[in-house]
Each structure stands twice: as C-alpha cells, then as structure tokens.
Amino acid sequence: MSPDTNKIRILLVDHHEVVRAGLSLLLAQHAGFEIVGEAGSVAGALEVGTRLQPDVALLEVRLPDGSGFQACRKLHALTPPVRVIIFTAFADEETVMQAIGSGAEGYLLKEIDESGLVRAIREVADGRSILDPAVTRRVLNRVRAGTATTTSKLDQLSAQERRVLEQVAQGKTNKEIAAALGLSDKTVKNYLSNLMDKLQMSRRSQAAAYYVQHSAAAGQS
C-alpha cells in the first residue's frame, strides 16, 4: 500500500483489453484504490509488477504466453511480493487447486458483484485470503459426487476447529465466523492458528481448499 496516498495499488492482468478497461473504470470509482498498471500476458505482468510494485494483482488464469499460475509465482517472488487474486470464469476443481498450489491469496469468479470484488481486494490487501463461496460449493459438490474414502488431516481437528474451518471454506471473514459461532474475534483467531498448525499450512486459502477437497471423504459437510 502506498505510504503517501494510503491507497491500494492494483495491477490488472487479463488478455482481454475490454475486461481490463471495464475493471479499471469500475475500481477507479472506489476510494482507496489506484490502478497502477495493466498487462495482457505473463511477461507483461512480471514487467509491470517489477516496475510499479503493486499491492494486489487481479490475475486471469488463461494468458497467451503461459498460465496465471506461473505469473502468480513470479509476482510472489518480487520484492516486495505482490498479493494475487485469481479472477477468472473457470470454476473447475483442477483450476482451483492449481491456483491454491501456486500460492494465490484469493480466487474469485468473474460473476461476482461489484461490492464483493471491492471487499475481496481490500481483505487480500490487508493480509487475508479469499475463496469465492461459489467455487467452494461447486468443488464440494464434485467431491461429494465422488467415491473417495481416504482419511485426511481433518481427523486431527477438534469439532469446533472443524466448524471454524467450514466457515472459512464458505468465504467468511473472522468477524462473520465469530458472529455465526457465538465466539469472540480473538477466539476465532486462536482456533485458526491451531488448526493451521495441525494442517501444516500457512495460508487460509490453502486450508479452505483442503477442507473442500477432503471433507466429504472425512464424513464432514
């Protein structure tokens, strides 16, 4: 975040110029956002990211010279690292898992409404992770339709930790989880810290994706 303007500096990466233009116009209307650059390729994203040092990048997964996952890893490797939100129309399980594996802090579908997009950018810029609830539902439905019966690290979690993780997988913030479960914000943070240690994961989005992928097999819903 720029110390001078206190604005979130945003990089838009999409191979469709019209999409970039539309996002730029939409986001520029909101206080606290500054569109610092655009790119239509992996190479362009890296060049602009290196030169302009954005806080957050909105990144399409399909790019002409590679994948958004490659771009995500390259942007994370910059100093300072760029926080990445995968912003795409693809909601299949494989794409979601690849995004999580690349370290993306967020995964949003292009069908999201304006307020949801704005909120997600602010939360990711603030250090949190976001997984689109629609993605969560679709992946969970696919898992439930399968026949896998393997055990998972979810078995290590307490009942309350599982409830907290389920809320995370639904895309809720700590404040929303606290309200839903009748807990304090501090207690939710403690549960999250404990369950992340048990799952041996460092990112909220990774834990959410793991829950979605394995909850059916572990007997959770």
C-alpha atoms as a PDB file:
ATOM      1  CA  MET A   1       0.000   0.000   0.000  1.00  0.00           C
ATOM      2  CA  SER A   2       1.354   3.385  -0.939  1.00  0.00           C
ATOM      3  CA  PRO A   3       2.514   5.243   2.215  1.00  0.00           C
ATOM      4  CA  ASP A   4       1.864   8.590   0.547  1.00  0.00           C
ATOM      5  CA  THR A   5      -1.704   8.070  -0.600  1.00  0.00           C
ATOM      6  CA  ASN A   6      -2.735   5.148   1.623  1.00  0.00           C
ATOM      7  CA  LYS A   7      -4.296   3.652  -1.495  1.00  0.00           C
ATOM      8  CA  ILE A   8      -4.239   0.009  -2.533  1.00  0.00           C
ATOM      9  CA  ARG A   9      -2.170  -0.210  -5.713  1.00  0.00           C
ATOM     10  CA  ILE A  10      -3.749  -2.650  -8.168  1.00  0.00           C
ATOM     11  CA  LEU A  11      -2.394  -4.434 -11.247  1.00  0.00           C
ATOM     12  CA  LEU A  12      -4.913  -5.832 -13.753  1.00  0.00           C
ATOM     13  CA  VAL A  13      -3.793  -8.869 -15.767  1.00  0.00           C
ATOM     14  CA  ASP A  14      -6.136 -10.225 -18.439  1.00  0.00           C
ATOM     15  CA  HIS A  15      -5.623 -10.984 -22.122  1.00  0.00           C
ATOM     16  CA  HIS A  16      -8.899  -9.221 -22.979  1.00  0.00           C
ATOM     17  CA  GLU A  17      -8.366  -5.474 -23.203  1.00  0.00           C
ATOM     18  CA  VAL A  18     -12.089  -4.839 -22.763  1.00  0.00           C
ATOM     19  CA  VAL A  19     -12.084  -6.719 -19.443  1.00  0.00           C
ATOM     20  CA  ARG A  20      -9.135  -4.683 -18.183  1.00  0.00           C
ATOM     21  CA  ALA A  21     -10.776  -1.431 -19.265  1.00  0.00           C
ATOM     22  CA  GLY A  22     -14.039  -2.326 -17.558  1.00  0.00           C
ATOM     23  CA  LEU A  23     -12.326  -3.299 -14.312  1.00  0.00           C
ATOM     24  CA  SER A  24     -10.242  -0.144 -14.374  1.00  0.00           C
ATOM     25  CA  LEU A  25     -13.304   2.077 -14.749  1.00  0.00           C
ATOM     26  CA  LEU A  26     -15.220   0.192 -12.060  1.00  0.00           C
ATOM     27  CA  LEU A  27     -12.469   0.098  -9.441  1.00  0.00           C
ATOM     28  CA  ALA A  28     -11.348   3.688 -10.040  1.00  0.00           C
ATOM     29  CA  GLN A  29     -14.717   4.828  -8.678  1.00  0.00           C
ATOM     30  CA  HIS A  30     -13.882   3.474  -5.227  1.00  0.00           C
ATOM     31  CA  ALA A  31     -11.909   5.463  -2.699  1.00  0.00           C
ATOM     32  CA  GLY A  32      -8.679   3.845  -1.650  1.00  0.00           C
ATOM     33  CA  PHE A  33      -7.935   2.126  -4.970  1.00  0.00           C
ATOM     34  CA  GLU A  34      -5.318   3.113  -7.533  1.00  0.00           C
ATOM     35  CA  ILE A  35      -4.948   1.204 -10.810  1.00  0.00           C
ATOM     36  CA  VAL A  36      -1.197   1.414 -11.363  1.00  0.00           C
ATOM     37  CA  GLY A  37      -0.892  -0.817 -14.406  1.00  0.00           C
ATOM     38  CA  GLU A  38      -2.319  -3.373 -16.801  1.00  0.00           C
ATOM     39  CA  ALA A  39      -0.909  -6.386 -18.622  1.00  0.00           C
ATOM     40  CA  GLY A  40      -2.177  -8.999 -21.044  1.00  0.00           C
ATOM     41  CA  SER A  41       0.473 -11.682 -20.582  1.00  0.00           C
ATOM     42  CA  VAL A  42       2.731 -13.394 -18.042  1.00  0.00           C
ATOM     43  CA  ALA A  43       5.735 -11.435 -19.302  1.00  0.00           C
ATOM     44  CA  GLY A  44       3.792  -8.193 -19.142  1.00  0.00           C
ATOM     45  CA  ALA A  45       2.589  -8.911 -15.616  1.00  0.00           C
ATOM     46  CA  LEU A  46       6.143  -9.519 -14.427  1.00  0.00           C
ATOM     47  CA  GLU A  47       7.492  -6.407 -16.168  1.00  0.00           C
ATOM     48  CA  VAL A  48       4.777  -4.114 -14.830  1.00  0.00           C
ATOM     49  CA  GLY A  49       4.843  -5.748 -11.398  1.00  0.00           C
ATOM     50  CA  THR A  50       8.606  -5.279 -11.110  1.00  0.00           C
ATOM     51  CA  ARG A  51       8.486  -1.677 -12.269  1.00  0.00           C
ATOM     52  CA  LEU A  52       5.400  -0.407 -10.431  1.00  0.00           C
ATOM     53  CA  GLN A  53       5.295  -2.614  -7.302  1.00  0.00           C
ATOM     54  CA  PRO A  54       1.517  -3.046  -6.922  1.00  0.00           C
ATOM     55  CA  ASP A  55      -0.015  -4.327  -3.696  1.00  0.00           C
ATOM     56  CA  VAL A  56      -2.580  -6.615  -5.327  1.00  0.00           C
ATOM     57  CA  ALA A  57      -2.882  -8.185  -8.778  1.00  0.00           C
ATOM     58  CA  LEU A  58      -6.153  -9.378 -10.316  1.00  0.00           C
ATOM     59  CA  LEU A  59      -4.987 -12.238 -12.488  1.00  0.00           C
ATOM     60  CA  GLU A  60      -6.711 -14.296 -15.192  1.00  0.00           C
ATOM     61  CA  VAL A  61      -5.545 -17.935 -15.395  1.00  0.00           C
ATOM     62  CA  ARG A  62      -5.543 -18.157 -19.204  1.00  0.00           C
ATOM     63  CA  LEU A  63      -2.833 -15.968 -20.730  1.00  0.00           C
ATOM     64  CA  PRO A  64      -1.306 -16.148 -24.234  1.00  0.00           C
ATOM     65  CA  ASP A  65       2.285 -16.855 -23.134  1.00  0.00           C
ATOM     66  CA  GLY A  66       1.608 -19.111 -20.155  1.00  0.00           C
ATOM     67  CA  SER A  67      -0.701 -19.584 -17.202  1.00  0.00           C
ATOM     68  CA  GLY A  68      -1.814 -17.238 -14.487  1.00  0.00           C
ATOM     69  CA  PHE A  69      -0.300 -19.710 -12.028  1.00  0.00           C
ATOM     70  CA  GLN A  70       3.145 -19.034 -13.488  1.00  0.00           C
ATOM     71  CA  ALA A  71       2.507 -15.315 -13.230  1.00  0.00           C
ATOM     72  CA  CYS A  72       1.335 -15.745  -9.634  1.00  0.00           C
ATOM     73  CA  ARG A  73       4.572 -17.451  -8.585  1.00  0.00           C
ATOM     74  CA  LYS A  74       6.672 -14.813 -10.352  1.00  0.00           C
ATOM     75  CA  LEU A  75       4.764 -11.949  -8.713  1.00  0.00           C
ATOM     76  CA  HIS A  76       5.165 -13.591  -5.306  1.00  0.00           C
ATOM     77  CA  ALA A  77       8.918 -13.768  -5.886  1.00  0.00           C
ATOM     78  CA  LEU A  78       9.222  -9.995  -6.297  1.00  0.00           C
ATOM     79  CA  THR A  79      10.390  -7.707  -3.503  1.00  0.00           C
ATOM     80  CA  PRO A  80       8.016  -6.726  -2.054  1.00  0.00           C
ATOM     81  CA  PRO A  81       5.826  -9.669  -3.111  1.00  0.00           C
ATOM     82  CA  VAL A  82       2.543  -8.934  -4.865  1.00  0.00           C
ATOM     83  CA  ARG A  83      -0.586 -10.463  -3.351  1.00  0.00           C
ATOM     84  CA  VAL A  84      -2.585 -12.250  -6.045  1.00  0.00           C
ATOM     85  CA  ILE A  85      -6.292 -12.764  -6.607  1.00  0.00           C
ATOM     86  CA  ILE A  86      -7.100 -15.227  -9.380  1.00  0.00           C
ATOM     87  CA  PHE A  87     -10.012 -13.592 -11.220  1.00  0.00           C
ATOM     88  CA  THR A  88     -11.497 -15.919 -13.800  1.00  0.00           C
ATOM     89  CA  ALA A  89     -14.609 -17.543 -15.230  1.00  0.00           C
ATOM     90  CA  PHE A  90     -13.236 -21.044 -14.600  1.00  0.00           C
ATOM     91  CA  ALA A  91     -14.593 -22.822 -11.518  1.00  0.00           C
ATOM     92  CA  ASP A  92     -13.492 -26.420 -12.103  1.00  0.00           C
ATOM     93  CA  GLU A  93     -11.759 -28.231  -9.262  1.00  0.00           C
ATOM     94  CA  GLU A  94      -8.440 -28.669 -11.074  1.00  0.00           C
ATOM     95  CA  THR A  95      -8.099 -24.949 -11.779  1.00  0.00           C
ATOM     96  CA  VAL A  96      -8.979 -24.025  -8.205  1.00  0.00           C
ATOM     97  CA  MET A  97      -6.451 -26.483  -6.771  1.00  0.00           C
ATOM     98  CA  GLN A  98      -3.741 -25.228  -9.134  1.00  0.00           C
ATOM     99  CA  ALA A  99      -4.445 -21.681  -8.018  1.00  0.00           C
ATOM    100  CA  ILE A 100      -4.160 -22.613  -4.360  1.00  0.00           C
ATOM    101  CA  GLY A 101      -0.995 -24.564  -5.081  1.00  0.00           C
ATOM    102  CA  SER A 102       0.551 -21.530  -6.771  1.00  0.00           C
ATOM    103  CA  GLY A 103       0.066 -19.572  -3.556  1.00  0.00           C
ATOM    104  CA  ALA A 104      -2.717 -17.243  -4.683  1.00  0.00           C
ATOM    105  CA  GLU A 105      -4.271 -15.322  -1.805  1.00  0.00           C
ATOM    106  CA  GLY A 106      -7.683 -15.260  -3.451  1.00  0.00           C
ATOM    107  CA  TYR A 107      -9.865 -16.973  -6.042  1.00  0.00           C
ATOM    108  CA  LEU A 108     -12.866 -15.101  -7.431  1.00  0.00           C
ATOM    109  CA  LEU A 109     -15.223 -15.802 -10.300  1.00  0.00           C
ATOM    110  CA  LYS A 110     -15.969 -13.029 -12.771  1.00  0.00           C
ATOM    111  CA  GLU A 111     -19.653 -13.374 -11.954  1.00  0.00           C
ATOM    112  CA  ILE A 112     -19.009 -11.765  -8.541  1.00  0.00           C
ATOM    113  CA  ASP A 113     -20.826  -8.494  -7.906  1.00  0.00           C
ATOM    114  CA  GLU A 114     -19.068  -5.161  -7.542  1.00  0.00           C
ATOM    115  CA  SER A 115     -19.322  -4.947  -3.757  1.00  0.00           C
ATOM    116  CA  GLY A 116     -17.942  -8.466  -3.364  1.00  0.00           C
ATOM    117  CA  LEU A 117     -14.976  -7.691  -5.604  1.00  0.00           C
ATOM    118  CA  VAL A 118     -14.188  -4.462  -3.780  1.00  0.00           C
ATOM    119  CA  ARG A 119     -14.408  -6.164  -0.389  1.00  0.00           C
ATOM    120  CA  ALA A 120     -12.189  -9.044  -1.537  1.00  0.00           C
ATOM    121  CA  ILE A 121      -9.460  -6.717  -2.818  1.00  0.00           C
ATOM    122  CA  ARG A 122      -9.420  -4.827   0.469  1.00  0.00           C
ATOM    123  CA  GLU A 123      -9.259  -8.015   2.529  1.00  0.00           C
ATOM    124  CA  VAL A 124      -6.447  -9.520   0.463  1.00  0.00           C
ATOM    125  CA  ALA A 125      -4.511  -6.239   0.638  1.00  0.00           C
ATOM    126  CA  ASP A 126      -4.982  -6.400   4.414  1.00  0.00           C
ATOM    127  CA  GLY A 127      -3.330  -9.813   4.575  1.00  0.00           C
ATOM    128  CA  ARG A 128      -6.339 -12.115   4.480  1.00  0.00           C
ATOM    129  CA  SER A 129      -7.258 -14.774   1.916  1.00  0.00           C
ATOM    130  CA  ILE A 130     -10.489 -15.134  -0.037  1.00  0.00           C
ATOM    131  CA  LEU A 131     -12.129 -18.129  -1.707  1.00  0.00           C
ATOM    132  CA  ASP A 132     -15.286 -17.415  -3.691  1.00  0.00           C
ATOM    133  CA  PRO A 133     -18.238 -19.164  -1.984  1.00  0.00           C
ATOM    134  CA  ALA A 134     -19.497 -20.270  -5.410  1.00  0.00           C
ATOM    135  CA  VAL A 135     -16.178 -22.028  -6.018  1.00  0.00           C
ATOM    136  CA  THR A 136     -16.394 -23.691  -2.623  1.00  0.00           C
ATOM    137  CA  ARG A 137     -19.881 -25.014  -3.325  1.00  0.00           C
ATOM    138  CA  ARG A 138     -19.005 -26.324  -6.780  1.00  0.00           C
ATOM    139  CA  VAL A 139     -15.854 -28.097  -5.664  1.00  0.00           C
ATOM    140  CA  LEU A 140     -17.598 -29.547  -2.620  1.00  0.00           C
ATOM    141  CA  ASN A 141     -20.425 -30.873  -4.799  1.00  0.00           C
ATOM    142  CA  ARG A 142     -17.875 -32.568  -7.038  1.00  0.00           C
ATOM    143  CA  VAL A 143     -16.131 -34.129  -4.048  1.00  0.00           C
ATOM    144  CA  ARG A 144     -19.451 -35.357  -2.662  1.00  0.00           C
ATOM    145  CA  ALA A 145     -20.257 -36.952  -6.005  1.00  0.00           C
ATOM    146  CA  GLY A 146     -17.042 -38.968  -5.859  1.00  0.00           C
ATOM    147  CA  THR A 147     -16.363 -42.212  -4.073  1.00  0.00           C
ATOM    148  CA  ALA A 148     -13.133 -41.398  -2.252  1.00  0.00           C
ATOM    149  CA  THR A 149     -12.900 -42.852   1.240  1.00  0.00           C
ATOM    150  CA  THR A 150      -9.392 -41.873   2.279  1.00  0.00           C
ATOM    151  CA  THR A 151      -8.654 -40.323   5.651  1.00  0.00           C
ATOM    152  CA  SER A 152      -7.222 -36.827   5.918  1.00  0.00           C
ATOM    153  CA  LYS A 153      -5.623 -34.350   8.276  1.00  0.00           C
ATOM    154  CA  LEU A 154      -9.136 -33.159   9.128  1.00  0.00           C
ATOM    155  CA  ASP A 155      -9.306 -36.080  11.555  1.00  0.00           C
ATOM    156  CA  GLN A 156      -6.786 -34.231  13.730  1.00  0.00           C
ATOM    157  CA  LEU A 157      -9.106 -31.261  14.234  1.00  0.00           C
ATOM    158  CA  SER A 158     -11.481 -30.815  17.132  1.00  0.00           C
ATOM    159  CA  ALA A 159     -15.195 -30.422  16.437  1.00  0.00           C
ATOM    160  CA  GLN A 160     -15.005 -26.664  16.993  1.00  0.00           C
ATOM    161  CA  GLU A 161     -11.920 -26.317  14.790  1.00  0.00           C
ATOM    162  CA  ARG A 162     -13.807 -28.115  12.024  1.00  0.00           C
ATOM    163  CA  ARG A 163     -16.747 -25.758  12.420  1.00  0.00           C
ATOM    164  CA  VAL A 164     -14.419 -22.762  12.156  1.00  0.00           C
ATOM    165  CA  LEU A 165     -12.710 -24.224   9.083  1.00  0.00           C
ATOM    166  CA  GLU A 166     -16.062 -24.917   7.446  1.00  0.00           C
ATOM    167  CA  GLN A 167     -16.925 -21.236   7.868  1.00  0.00           C
ATOM    168  CA  VAL A 168     -13.572 -20.261   6.344  1.00  0.00           C
ATOM    169  CA  ALA A 169     -14.302 -22.513   3.364  1.00  0.00           C
ATOM    170  CA  GLN A 170     -17.576 -20.642   2.879  1.00  0.00           C
ATOM    171  CA  GLY A 171     -15.577 -17.452   2.365  1.00  0.00           C
ATOM    172  CA  LYS A 172     -16.453 -15.807   5.682  1.00  0.00           C
ATOM    173  CA  THR A 173     -14.230 -13.322   7.489  1.00  0.00           C
ATOM    174  CA  ASN A 174     -13.127 -13.785  11.107  1.00  0.00           C
ATOM    175  CA  LYS A 175     -15.776 -11.309  12.237  1.00  0.00           C
ATOM    176  CA  GLU A 176     -18.504 -13.204  10.376  1.00  0.00           C
ATOM    177  CA  ILE A 177     -17.285 -16.530  11.794  1.00  0.00           C
ATOM    178  CA  ALA A 178     -17.319 -15.107  15.309  1.00  0.00           C
ATOM    179  CA  ALA A 179     -20.916 -13.952  14.870  1.00  0.00           C
ATOM    180  CA  ALA A 180     -22.034 -17.259  13.344  1.00  0.00           C
ATOM    181  CA  LEU A 181     -20.484 -19.419  16.073  1.00  0.00           C
ATOM    182  CA  GLY A 182     -21.006 -17.110  19.038  1.00  0.00           C
ATOM    183  CA  LEU A 183     -17.285 -16.590  19.621  1.00  0.00           C
ATOM    184  CA  SER A 184     -15.027 -13.583  20.073  1.00  0.00           C
ATOM    185  CA  ASP A 185     -12.733 -12.461  17.261  1.00  0.00           C
ATOM    186  CA  LYS A 186      -9.721 -13.414  19.390  1.00  0.00           C
ATOM    187  CA  THR A 187     -11.070 -16.923  19.978  1.00  0.00           C
ATOM    188  CA  VAL A 188     -11.634 -17.398  16.247  1.00  0.00           C
ATOM    189  CA  LYS A 189      -8.040 -16.317  15.576  1.00  0.00           C
ATOM    190  CA  ASN A 190      -6.800 -18.826  18.160  1.00  0.00           C
ATOM    191  CA  TYR A 191      -8.806 -21.652  16.588  1.00  0.00           C
ATOM    192  CA  LEU A 192      -7.489 -20.692  13.158  1.00  0.00           C
ATOM    193  CA  SER A 193      -3.904 -20.649  14.378  1.00  0.00           C
ATOM    194  CA  ASN A 194      -4.286 -24.079  15.982  1.00  0.00           C
ATOM    195  CA  LEU A 195      -5.980 -25.719  13.018  1.00  0.00           C
ATOM    196  CA  MET A 196      -3.453 -24.252  10.562  1.00  0.00           C
ATOM    197  CA  ASP A 197      -0.656 -25.753  12.656  1.00  0.00           C
ATOM    198  CA  LYS A 198      -2.378 -29.142  12.641  1.00  0.00           C
ATOM    199  CA  LEU A 199      -2.929 -28.996   8.879  1.00  0.00           C
ATOM    200  CA  GLN A 200       0.675 -27.804   8.392  1.00  0.00           C
ATOM    201  CA  MET A 201      -0.487 -24.951   6.200  1.00  0.00           C
ATOM    202  CA  SER A 202       0.365 -21.263   6.222  1.00  0.00           C
ATOM    203  CA  ARG A 203      -2.385 -19.809   4.034  1.00  0.00           C
ATOM    204  CA  ARG A 204      -6.060 -19.506   4.864  1.00  0.00           C
ATOM    205  CA  SER A 205      -6.977 -20.256   1.246  1.00  0.00           C
ATOM    206  CA  GLN A 206      -4.966 -23.497   1.310  1.00  0.00           C
ATOM    207  CA  ALA A 207      -6.811 -24.682   4.416  1.00  0.00           C
ATOM    208  CA  ALA A 208     -10.170 -23.788   2.855  1.00  0.00           C
ATOM    209  CA  ALA A 209      -9.344 -25.666  -0.333  1.00  0.00           C
ATOM    210  CA  TYR A 210      -8.149 -28.690   1.648  1.00  0.00           C
ATOM    211  CA  TYR A 211     -11.391 -28.724   3.613  1.00  0.00           C
ATOM    212  CA  VAL A 212     -13.460 -28.570   0.436  1.00  0.00           C
ATOM    213  CA  GLN A 213     -11.438 -31.353  -1.158  1.00  0.00           C
ATOM    214  CA  HIS A 214     -11.437 -33.736   1.815  1.00  0.00           C
ATOM    215  CA  SER A 215     -14.473 -33.002   3.973  1.00  0.00           C
ATOM    216  CA  ALA A 216     -16.762 -35.409   2.156  1.00  0.00           C
ATOM    217  CA  ALA A 217     -14.251 -38.228   2.468  1.00  0.00           C
ATOM    218  CA  ALA A 218     -13.826 -37.434   6.162  1.00  0.00           C
ATOM    219  CA  GLY A 219     -17.568 -37.510   6.717  1.00  0.00           C
ATOM    220  CA  GLN A 220     -17.952 -33.736   7.054  1.00  0.00           C
ATOM    221  CA  SER A 221     -20.379 -31.449   5.253  1.00  0.00           C
END
